[in-house]
Amino acid sequence: IEQMDSALSENMKRAGNVLQALSVQLARGSDFDVSGIQAAAKTAIQIIEANMNAKVGDRYLFSGSEVGTKPYSNPSIAETGVQARVTDWLNGTVTTDDFMAGINGMTDSQSGFSASLQSTTKITARVDDNLEVDYTVLANSEGMKKTINSLRALANLKFPDETVDVPDKDQFFDAMNALYANIQSGVNAMRKDSTKIAAAAETLNVVATNHGNDSQNLQQILENTEAADTMDAVVKFQTLQTQLQASYQVTSTLSQLSLARYLAG
């Protein structure tokens, strides 16, 4: 869980760095540094890809119950698909709105995710008799999927060449602003996943503390029992025996009484 939280935090940080750089470039307008943004996006993609495939031992953390299957297994498919969509946008086959709809509409397989994520189930920790903690976060969750696809589009988007390309400068900035909003939305969704992980970790810590306290209390009871004074225990048992004998004697006497005997007496 700690490793998952660390990976999500790193993803948000890297995507946030791109957002910061992109906001600066968008403010410059005509001086937009396309190559600089592309480089920042590519660096973020490499790190986020690695984090989506994070492992502890032989277990992939973001694969759900399919811990033996690499969740983000086909990034080349995603790269090819995004490049084709960028080409269609540049040659006028699709509008800017259509281009963004295509990026947002990429399926899991088109985005490079393993098919096993479609059938995976949640992962839980049974921490008490009646308590299971769900700490499932999948690599194809809304946050990571939207972020990685939008960053990939950002890394491949080119400033239109007015001599051959159809989109103009305004449409380019429309696309950039839309990708900015997409990445920001992805980061917000990852933040929700991070909150879920943090809540799971806190629950585990509370339960672990409670179990530790219970263990100490039971150990103290055991030690007190084992360390009990033998003579004191004998005296208490003898006292109890005397009390029981007296109780049995009274019960026996009462059982022999009857109304007839009382009247006869």
C-alpha atoms as a PDB file:
ATOM      1  CA  ILE A   1       0.000   0.000   0.000  1.00  0.00           C
ATOM      2  CA  GLU A   2       2.852   2.372   0.782  1.00  0.00           C
ATOM      3  CA  GLN A   3       4.422   1.606  -2.598  1.00  0.00           C
ATOM      4  CA  MET A   4       1.116   2.241  -4.384  1.00  0.00           C
ATOM      5  CA  ASP A   5       0.690   5.563  -2.602  1.00  0.00           C
ATOM      6  CA  SER A   6       4.248   6.542  -3.489  1.00  0.00           C
ATOM      7  CA  ALA A   7       3.673   5.687  -7.170  1.00  0.00           C
ATOM      8  CA  LEU A   8       0.466   7.724  -7.321  1.00  0.00           C
ATOM      9  CA  SER A   9       2.151  10.680  -5.638  1.00  0.00           C
ATOM     10  CA  GLU A  10       5.005  10.549  -8.134  1.00  0.00           C
ATOM     11  CA  ASN A  11       2.536  10.375 -11.040  1.00  0.00           C
ATOM     12  CA  MET A  12       0.696  13.445  -9.806  1.00  0.00           C
ATOM     13  CA  LYS A  13       3.964  15.292  -9.297  1.00  0.00           C
ATOM     14  CA  ARG A  14       5.222  14.548 -12.820  1.00  0.00           C
ATOM     15  CA  ALA A  15       1.915  15.433 -14.445  1.00  0.00           C
ATOM     16  CA  GLY A  16       1.802  18.588 -12.328  1.00  0.00           C
ATOM     17  CA  ASN A  17       5.226  19.601 -13.620  1.00  0.00           C
ATOM     18  CA  VAL A  18       3.940  19.334 -17.189  1.00  0.00           C
ATOM     19  CA  LEU A  19       0.849  21.368 -16.308  1.00  0.00           C
ATOM     20  CA  GLN A  20       3.014  24.078 -14.812  1.00  0.00           C
ATOM     21  CA  ALA A  21       5.254  24.211 -17.883  1.00  0.00           C
ATOM     22  CA  LEU A  22       2.239  24.152 -20.195  1.00  0.00           C
ATOM     23  CA  SER A  23       0.517  27.020 -18.379  1.00  0.00           C
ATOM     24  CA  VAL A  24       3.646  29.141 -18.790  1.00  0.00           C
ATOM     25  CA  GLN A  25       3.830  28.371 -22.500  1.00  0.00           C
ATOM     26  CA  LEU A  26       0.131  29.033 -23.065  1.00  0.00           C
ATOM     27  CA  ALA A  27       0.565  32.460 -21.479  1.00  0.00           C
ATOM     28  CA  ARG A  28       3.323  33.292 -23.976  1.00  0.00           C
ATOM     29  CA  GLY A  29       1.053  32.762 -26.960  1.00  0.00           C
ATOM     30  CA  SER A  30       3.065  33.072 -30.178  1.00  0.00           C
ATOM     31  CA  ASP A  31       6.320  32.162 -28.401  1.00  0.00           C
ATOM     32  CA  PHE A  32       5.024  28.683 -27.550  1.00  0.00           C
ATOM     33  CA  ASP A  33       7.920  26.242 -27.078  1.00  0.00           C
ATOM     34  CA  VAL A  34       6.479  23.060 -28.613  1.00  0.00           C
ATOM     35  CA  SER A  35       9.684  21.031 -28.343  1.00  0.00           C
ATOM     36  CA  GLY A  36      10.091  21.933 -24.664  1.00  0.00           C
ATOM     37  CA  ILE A  37       6.564  20.798 -23.834  1.00  0.00           C
ATOM     38  CA  GLN A  38       7.019  17.621 -25.849  1.00  0.00           C
ATOM     39  CA  ALA A  39      10.205  16.808 -23.944  1.00  0.00           C
ATOM     40  CA  ALA A  40       8.524  17.420 -20.567  1.00  0.00           C
ATOM     41  CA  ALA A  41       5.572  15.235 -21.566  1.00  0.00           C
ATOM     42  CA  LYS A  42       7.825  12.398 -22.747  1.00  0.00           C
ATOM     43  CA  THR A  43       9.769  12.435 -19.476  1.00  0.00           C
ATOM     44  CA  ALA A  44       6.532  12.296 -17.480  1.00  0.00           C
ATOM     45  CA  ILE A  45       5.243   9.445 -19.659  1.00  0.00           C
ATOM     46  CA  GLN A  46       8.331   7.312 -18.972  1.00  0.00           C
ATOM     47  CA  ILE A  47       7.994   7.719 -15.217  1.00  0.00           C
ATOM     48  CA  ILE A  48       4.216   7.202 -15.124  1.00  0.00           C
ATOM     49  CA  GLU A  49       4.518   4.089 -17.310  1.00  0.00           C
ATOM     50  CA  ALA A  50       7.056   2.653 -14.880  1.00  0.00           C
ATOM     51  CA  ASN A  51       4.845   3.500 -11.893  1.00  0.00           C
ATOM     52  CA  MET A  52       1.791   1.856 -13.455  1.00  0.00           C
ATOM     53  CA  ASN A  53       3.874  -1.317 -13.711  1.00  0.00           C
ATOM     54  CA  ALA A  54       5.294  -0.997 -10.178  1.00  0.00           C
ATOM     55  CA  LYS A  55       5.997  -4.319  -8.439  1.00  0.00           C
ATOM     56  CA  VAL A  56       6.754  -5.649  -4.994  1.00  0.00           C
ATOM     57  CA  GLY A  57       8.552  -8.921  -5.505  1.00  0.00           C
ATOM     58  CA  ASP A  58       6.675 -10.669  -8.310  1.00  0.00           C
ATOM     59  CA  ARG A  59       3.377  -8.857  -7.670  1.00  0.00           C
ATOM     60  CA  TYR A  60       2.212  -6.005  -9.892  1.00  0.00           C
ATOM     61  CA  LEU A  61       0.545  -3.450  -7.647  1.00  0.00           C
ATOM     62  CA  PHE A  62      -1.962  -1.961 -10.092  1.00  0.00           C
ATOM     63  CA  SER A  63      -3.241  -5.216 -11.630  1.00  0.00           C
ATOM     64  CA  GLY A  64      -5.913  -5.985  -9.044  1.00  0.00           C
ATOM     65  CA  SER A  65      -6.158  -9.709  -8.409  1.00  0.00           C
ATOM     66  CA  GLU A  66      -4.150 -10.430 -11.597  1.00  0.00           C
ATOM     67  CA  VAL A  67      -0.920  -9.735  -9.733  1.00  0.00           C
ATOM     68  CA  GLY A  68       1.200 -11.788 -12.122  1.00  0.00           C
ATOM     69  CA  THR A  69       0.222  -9.820 -15.246  1.00  0.00           C
ATOM     70  CA  LYS A  70       1.888  -6.590 -16.305  1.00  0.00           C
ATOM     71  CA  PRO A  71      -0.952  -4.037 -16.427  1.00  0.00           C
ATOM     72  CA  TYR A  72       0.501  -1.518 -18.903  1.00  0.00           C
ATOM     73  CA  SER A  73       1.958  -3.930 -21.393  1.00  0.00           C
ATOM     74  CA  ASN A  74       1.559  -2.344 -24.853  1.00  0.00           C
ATOM     75  CA  PRO A  75       2.608   1.327 -24.826  1.00  0.00           C
ATOM     76  CA  SER A  76       3.676   1.061 -28.474  1.00  0.00           C
ATOM     77  CA  ILE A  77       0.048   0.441 -29.461  1.00  0.00           C
ATOM     78  CA  ALA A  78      -0.993   3.615 -27.649  1.00  0.00           C
ATOM     79  CA  GLU A  79       1.832   5.563 -29.275  1.00  0.00           C
ATOM     80  CA  THR A  80       0.833   4.431 -32.752  1.00  0.00           C
ATOM     81  CA  GLY A  81      -2.826   5.219 -32.114  1.00  0.00           C
ATOM     82  CA  VAL A  82      -2.152   8.713 -30.794  1.00  0.00           C
ATOM     83  CA  GLN A  83       0.203   9.513 -33.661  1.00  0.00           C
ATOM     84  CA  ALA A  84      -2.504   8.484 -36.152  1.00  0.00           C
ATOM     85  CA  ARG A  85      -5.002  10.793 -34.429  1.00  0.00           C
ATOM     86  CA  VAL A  86      -2.538  13.680 -34.518  1.00  0.00           C
ATOM     87  CA  THR A  87      -1.985  13.074 -38.246  1.00  0.00           C
ATOM     88  CA  ASP A  88      -5.734  13.073 -38.871  1.00  0.00           C
ATOM     89  CA  TRP A  89      -6.026  16.362 -37.004  1.00  0.00           C
ATOM     90  CA  LEU A  90      -3.185  18.000 -38.922  1.00  0.00           C
ATOM     91  CA  ASN A  91      -4.487  16.970 -42.357  1.00  0.00           C
ATOM     92  CA  GLY A  92      -8.013  18.059 -41.540  1.00  0.00           C
ATOM     93  CA  THR A  93      -9.590  14.608 -41.425  1.00  0.00           C
ATOM     94  CA  VAL A  94     -10.934  15.444 -37.963  1.00  0.00           C
ATOM     95  CA  THR A  95     -11.663  18.683 -36.164  1.00  0.00           C
ATOM     96  CA  THR A  96     -10.079  19.696 -32.887  1.00  0.00           C
ATOM     97  CA  ASP A  97     -13.195  18.551 -31.027  1.00  0.00           C
ATOM     98  CA  ASP A  98     -13.094  15.229 -32.861  1.00  0.00           C
ATOM     99  CA  PHE A  99      -9.405  14.869 -32.051  1.00  0.00           C
ATOM    100  CA  MET A 100     -10.036  15.357 -28.348  1.00  0.00           C
ATOM    101  CA  ALA A 101     -13.019  13.005 -28.447  1.00  0.00           C
ATOM    102  CA  GLY A 102     -10.743  10.412 -30.040  1.00  0.00           C
ATOM    103  CA  ILE A 103      -8.125  10.785 -27.310  1.00  0.00           C
ATOM    104  CA  ASN A 104     -10.750  10.562 -24.569  1.00  0.00           C
ATOM    105  CA  GLY A 105     -12.482   7.651 -26.278  1.00  0.00           C
ATOM    106  CA  MET A 106      -9.450   5.368 -26.536  1.00  0.00           C
ATOM    107  CA  THR A 107     -10.293   1.915 -25.203  1.00  0.00           C
ATOM    108  CA  ASP A 108      -8.107   0.118 -22.688  1.00  0.00           C
ATOM    109  CA  SER A 109      -6.534  -2.019 -25.410  1.00  0.00           C
ATOM    110  CA  GLN A 110      -5.927   1.055 -27.611  1.00  0.00           C
ATOM    111  CA  SER A 111      -4.381   2.770 -24.594  1.00  0.00           C
ATOM    112  CA  GLY A 112      -1.895  -0.070 -24.097  1.00  0.00           C
ATOM    113  CA  PHE A 113      -3.426  -1.794 -21.083  1.00  0.00           C
ATOM    114  CA  SER A 114      -3.424  -5.536 -20.567  1.00  0.00           C
ATOM    115  CA  ALA A 115      -6.610  -7.421 -21.390  1.00  0.00           C
ATOM    116  CA  SER A 116      -6.467  -9.033 -17.941  1.00  0.00           C
ATOM    117  CA  LEU A 117      -7.561  -5.745 -16.380  1.00  0.00           C
ATOM    118  CA  GLN A 118     -11.012  -6.340 -17.861  1.00  0.00           C
ATOM    119  CA  SER A 119     -11.553  -9.448 -15.729  1.00  0.00           C
ATOM    120  CA  THR A 120      -9.500  -8.634 -12.650  1.00  0.00           C
ATOM    121  CA  THR A 121     -11.148  -8.385  -9.253  1.00  0.00           C
ATOM    122  CA  LYS A 122     -10.452  -6.194  -6.251  1.00  0.00           C
ATOM    123  CA  ILE A 123      -7.728  -6.873  -3.702  1.00  0.00           C
ATOM    124  CA  THR A 124      -8.503  -6.722  -0.004  1.00  0.00           C
ATOM    125  CA  ALA A 125      -6.820  -7.305   3.328  1.00  0.00           C
ATOM    126  CA  ARG A 126      -8.757  -9.340   5.922  1.00  0.00           C
ATOM    127  CA  VAL A 127      -7.689  -7.480   9.032  1.00  0.00           C
ATOM    128  CA  ASP A 128     -10.311  -8.638  11.516  1.00  0.00           C
ATOM    129  CA  ASP A 129     -13.083 -11.203  11.850  1.00  0.00           C
ATOM    130  CA  ASN A 130     -15.641  -8.903  10.218  1.00  0.00           C
ATOM    131  CA  LEU A 131     -13.481  -6.342   8.435  1.00  0.00           C
ATOM    132  CA  GLU A 132     -11.912  -6.378   4.975  1.00  0.00           C
ATOM    133  CA  VAL A 133     -10.004  -3.362   3.682  1.00  0.00           C
ATOM    134  CA  ASP A 134     -10.222  -2.724  -0.075  1.00  0.00           C
ATOM    135  CA  TYR A 135      -7.060  -1.112  -1.447  1.00  0.00           C
ATOM    136  CA  THR A 136      -7.653  -1.739  -5.152  1.00  0.00           C
ATOM    137  CA  VAL A 137      -6.385   0.845  -7.642  1.00  0.00           C
ATOM    138  CA  LEU A 138      -5.998  -0.313 -11.227  1.00  0.00           C
ATOM    139  CA  ALA A 139      -3.560   0.982 -13.823  1.00  0.00           C
ATOM    140  CA  ASN A 140      -6.484   1.718 -16.152  1.00  0.00           C
ATOM    141  CA  SER A 141      -8.298   3.812 -13.562  1.00  0.00           C
ATOM    142  CA  GLU A 142      -9.741   7.070 -14.846  1.00  0.00           C
ATOM    143  CA  GLY A 143      -6.903   9.130 -13.431  1.00  0.00           C
ATOM    144  CA  MET A 144      -3.927   7.232 -14.827  1.00  0.00           C
ATOM    145  CA  LYS A 145      -5.597   6.412 -18.145  1.00  0.00           C
ATOM    146  CA  LYS A 146      -6.670   9.973 -18.875  1.00  0.00           C
ATOM    147  CA  THR A 147      -3.323  11.373 -17.761  1.00  0.00           C
ATOM    148  CA  ILE A 148      -1.131   9.021 -19.785  1.00  0.00           C
ATOM    149  CA  ASN A 149      -3.219   9.352 -22.973  1.00  0.00           C
ATOM    150  CA  SER A 150      -3.325  13.137 -22.745  1.00  0.00           C
ATOM    151  CA  LEU A 151       0.408  13.361 -22.073  1.00  0.00           C
ATOM    152  CA  ARG A 152       1.048  11.117 -25.066  1.00  0.00           C
ATOM    153  CA  ALA A 153      -1.089  13.375 -27.256  1.00  0.00           C
ATOM    154  CA  LEU A 154       0.795  16.381 -25.899  1.00  0.00           C
ATOM    155  CA  ALA A 155       4.129  14.721 -26.688  1.00  0.00           C
ATOM    156  CA  ASN A 156       3.077  14.121 -30.298  1.00  0.00           C
ATOM    157  CA  LEU A 157       1.110  17.280 -31.102  1.00  0.00           C
ATOM    158  CA  LYS A 158       2.882  19.605 -33.520  1.00  0.00           C
ATOM    159  CA  PHE A 159       2.421  23.252 -34.303  1.00  0.00           C
ATOM    160  CA  PRO A 160       0.550  23.328 -37.631  1.00  0.00           C
ATOM    161  CA  ASP A 161       2.539  24.230 -40.728  1.00  0.00           C
ATOM    162  CA  GLU A 162       0.336  26.764 -42.478  1.00  0.00           C
ATOM    163  CA  THR A 163       1.633  25.625 -45.882  1.00  0.00           C
ATOM    164  CA  VAL A 164       0.431  22.039 -45.544  1.00  0.00           C
ATOM    165  CA  ASP A 165      -1.668  21.600 -42.402  1.00  0.00           C
ATOM    166  CA  VAL A 166      -5.338  22.462 -42.003  1.00  0.00           C
ATOM    167  CA  PRO A 167      -5.594  23.620 -38.345  1.00  0.00           C
ATOM    168  CA  ASP A 168      -4.568  27.198 -37.633  1.00  0.00           C
ATOM    169  CA  LYS A 169      -2.817  28.688 -34.608  1.00  0.00           C
ATOM    170  CA  ASP A 170      -6.050  29.236 -32.697  1.00  0.00           C
ATOM    171  CA  GLN A 171      -7.056  25.609 -33.176  1.00  0.00           C
ATOM    172  CA  PHE A 172      -3.638  24.528 -31.946  1.00  0.00           C
ATOM    173  CA  PHE A 173      -4.122  26.504 -28.750  1.00  0.00           C
ATOM    174  CA  ASP A 174      -7.634  25.086 -28.422  1.00  0.00           C
ATOM    175  CA  ALA A 175      -6.137  21.599 -28.524  1.00  0.00           C
ATOM    176  CA  MET A 176      -3.441  22.527 -26.012  1.00  0.00           C
ATOM    177  CA  ASN A 177      -5.980  24.010 -23.609  1.00  0.00           C
ATOM    178  CA  ALA A 178      -8.147  20.917 -23.931  1.00  0.00           C
ATOM    179  CA  LEU A 179      -5.181  18.643 -23.182  1.00  0.00           C
ATOM    180  CA  TYR A 180      -4.291  20.830 -20.194  1.00  0.00           C
ATOM    181  CA  ALA A 181      -7.819  20.370 -18.831  1.00  0.00           C
ATOM    182  CA  ASN A 182      -7.629  16.631 -19.500  1.00  0.00           C
ATOM    183  CA  ILE A 183      -4.363  16.211 -17.599  1.00  0.00           C
ATOM    184  CA  GLN A 184      -5.682  18.302 -14.730  1.00  0.00           C
ATOM    185  CA  SER A 185      -8.800  16.116 -14.596  1.00  0.00           C
ATOM    186  CA  GLY A 186      -6.597  13.023 -14.582  1.00  0.00           C
ATOM    187  CA  VAL A 187      -4.516  14.371 -11.702  1.00  0.00           C
ATOM    188  CA  ASN A 188      -7.676  15.114  -9.702  1.00  0.00           C
ATOM    189  CA  ALA A 189      -8.885  11.546 -10.280  1.00  0.00           C
ATOM    190  CA  MET A 190      -5.515  10.154  -9.170  1.00  0.00           C
ATOM    191  CA  ARG A 191      -5.782  12.293  -6.051  1.00  0.00           C
ATOM    192  CA  LYS A 192      -9.023  10.473  -5.216  1.00  0.00           C
ATOM    193  CA  ASP A 193      -7.227   7.140  -5.679  1.00  0.00           C
ATOM    194  CA  SER A 194      -4.456   8.370  -3.403  1.00  0.00           C
ATOM    195  CA  THR A 195      -7.036   9.351  -0.774  1.00  0.00           C
ATOM    196  CA  LYS A 196      -8.523   5.851  -0.967  1.00  0.00           C
ATOM    197  CA  ILE A 197      -5.096   4.306  -0.435  1.00  0.00           C
ATOM    198  CA  ALA A 198      -4.364   6.646   2.478  1.00  0.00           C
ATOM    199  CA  ALA A 199      -7.685   5.739   4.102  1.00  0.00           C
ATOM    200  CA  ALA A 200      -6.926   2.030   3.714  1.00  0.00           C
ATOM    201  CA  ALA A 201      -3.496   2.501   5.261  1.00  0.00           C
ATOM    202  CA  GLU A 202      -4.982   4.444   8.183  1.00  0.00           C
ATOM    203  CA  THR A 203      -7.568   1.717   8.790  1.00  0.00           C
ATOM    204  CA  LEU A 204      -4.837  -0.910   8.811  1.00  0.00           C
ATOM    205  CA  ASN A 205      -2.791   1.131  11.267  1.00  0.00           C
ATOM    206  CA  VAL A 206      -5.765   1.562  13.613  1.00  0.00           C
ATOM    207  CA  VAL A 207      -6.600  -2.145  13.500  1.00  0.00           C
ATOM    208  CA  ALA A 208      -2.949  -3.079  14.014  1.00  0.00           C
ATOM    209  CA  THR A 209      -2.804  -0.792  17.051  1.00  0.00           C
ATOM    210  CA  ASN A 210      -5.990  -2.321  18.462  1.00  0.00           C
ATOM    211  CA  HIS A 211      -4.651  -5.827  17.924  1.00  0.00           C
ATOM    212  CA  GLY A 212      -1.417  -4.819  19.619  1.00  0.00           C
ATOM    213  CA  ASN A 213      -3.322  -3.467  22.626  1.00  0.00           C
ATOM    214  CA  ASP A 214      -5.451  -6.617  22.802  1.00  0.00           C
ATOM    215  CA  SER A 215      -2.340  -8.750  22.662  1.00  0.00           C
ATOM    216  CA  GLN A 216      -0.711  -6.805  25.491  1.00  0.00           C
ATOM    217  CA  ASN A 217      -3.842  -7.028  27.637  1.00  0.00           C
ATOM    218  CA  LEU A 218      -4.182 -10.765  27.101  1.00  0.00           C
ATOM    219  CA  GLN A 219      -0.489 -11.251  27.773  1.00  0.00           C
ATOM    220  CA  GLN A 220      -0.870  -9.345  31.037  1.00  0.00           C
ATOM    221  CA  ILE A 221      -3.827 -11.521  32.051  1.00  0.00           C
ATOM    222  CA  LEU A 222      -1.803 -14.636  31.239  1.00  0.00           C
ATOM    223  CA  GLU A 223       1.197 -13.398  33.190  1.00  0.00           C
ATOM    224  CA  ASN A 224      -0.985 -12.503  36.182  1.00  0.00           C
ATOM    225  CA  THR A 225      -2.537 -15.969  36.065  1.00  0.00           C
ATOM    226  CA  GLU A 226       0.774 -17.771  35.775  1.00  0.00           C
ATOM    227  CA  ALA A 227       2.312 -15.644  38.522  1.00  0.00           C
ATOM    228  CA  ALA A 228      -0.585 -16.102  40.968  1.00  0.00           C
ATOM    229  CA  ASP A 229       0.351 -16.916  44.600  1.00  0.00           C
ATOM    230  CA  THR A 230      -0.205 -20.655  45.171  1.00  0.00           C
ATOM    231  CA  MET A 231      -1.148 -20.366  48.843  1.00  0.00           C
ATOM    232  CA  ASP A 232      -3.570 -17.552  48.125  1.00  0.00           C
ATOM    233  CA  ALA A 233      -5.184 -19.637  45.403  1.00  0.00           C
ATOM    234  CA  VAL A 234      -5.538 -22.630  47.787  1.00  0.00           C
ATOM    235  CA  VAL A 235      -7.199 -20.466  50.428  1.00  0.00           C
ATOM    236  CA  LYS A 236      -9.630 -19.077  47.870  1.00  0.00           C
ATOM    237  CA  PHE A 237     -10.465 -22.542  46.561  1.00  0.00           C
ATOM    238  CA  GLN A 238     -11.024 -23.836  50.123  1.00  0.00           C
ATOM    239  CA  THR A 239     -13.266 -20.878  50.894  1.00  0.00           C
ATOM    240  CA  LEU A 240     -15.226 -21.528  47.743  1.00  0.00           C
ATOM    241  CA  GLN A 241     -15.485 -25.211  48.645  1.00  0.00           C
ATOM    242  CA  THR A 242     -16.849 -24.349  52.109  1.00  0.00           C
ATOM    243  CA  GLN A 243     -19.394 -21.968  50.587  1.00  0.00           C
ATOM    244  CA  LEU A 244     -20.525 -24.576  48.075  1.00  0.00           C
ATOM    245  CA  GLN A 245     -20.853 -27.264  50.752  1.00  0.00           C
ATOM    246  CA  ALA A 246     -22.961 -24.939  52.869  1.00  0.00           C
ATOM    247  CA  SER A 247     -25.109 -24.097  49.881  1.00  0.00           C
ATOM    248  CA  TYR A 248     -25.586 -27.767  49.037  1.00  0.00           C
ATOM    249  CA  GLN A 249     -26.491 -28.523  52.692  1.00  0.00           C
ATOM    250  CA  VAL A 250     -29.154 -25.810  52.737  1.00  0.00           C
ATOM    251  CA  THR A 251     -30.537 -27.067  49.446  1.00  0.00           C
ATOM    252  CA  SER A 252     -30.662 -30.630  50.801  1.00  0.00           C
ATOM    253  CA  THR A 253     -32.456 -29.533  53.977  1.00  0.00           C
ATOM    254  CA  LEU A 254     -35.024 -27.523  52.072  1.00  0.00           C
ATOM    255  CA  SER A 255     -35.714 -30.405  49.718  1.00  0.00           C
ATOM    256  CA  GLN A 256     -36.683 -32.580  52.705  1.00  0.00           C
ATOM    257  CA  LEU A 257     -39.269 -30.105  54.037  1.00  0.00           C
ATOM    258  CA  SER A 258     -42.933 -30.591  53.244  1.00  0.00           C
ATOM    259  CA  LEU A 259     -46.237 -29.138  54.480  1.00  0.00           C
ATOM    260  CA  ALA A 260     -47.249 -32.488  55.960  1.00  0.00           C
ATOM    261  CA  ARG A 261     -44.040 -32.764  57.979  1.00  0.00           C
ATOM    262  CA  TYR A 262     -44.418 -29.166  59.103  1.00  0.00           C
ATOM    263  CA  LEU A 263     -47.978 -29.790  60.381  1.00  0.00           C
ATOM    264  CA  ALA A 264     -46.986 -33.073  61.978  1.00  0.00           C
ATOM    265  CA  GLY A 265     -44.143 -31.479  63.730  1.00  0.00           C
END
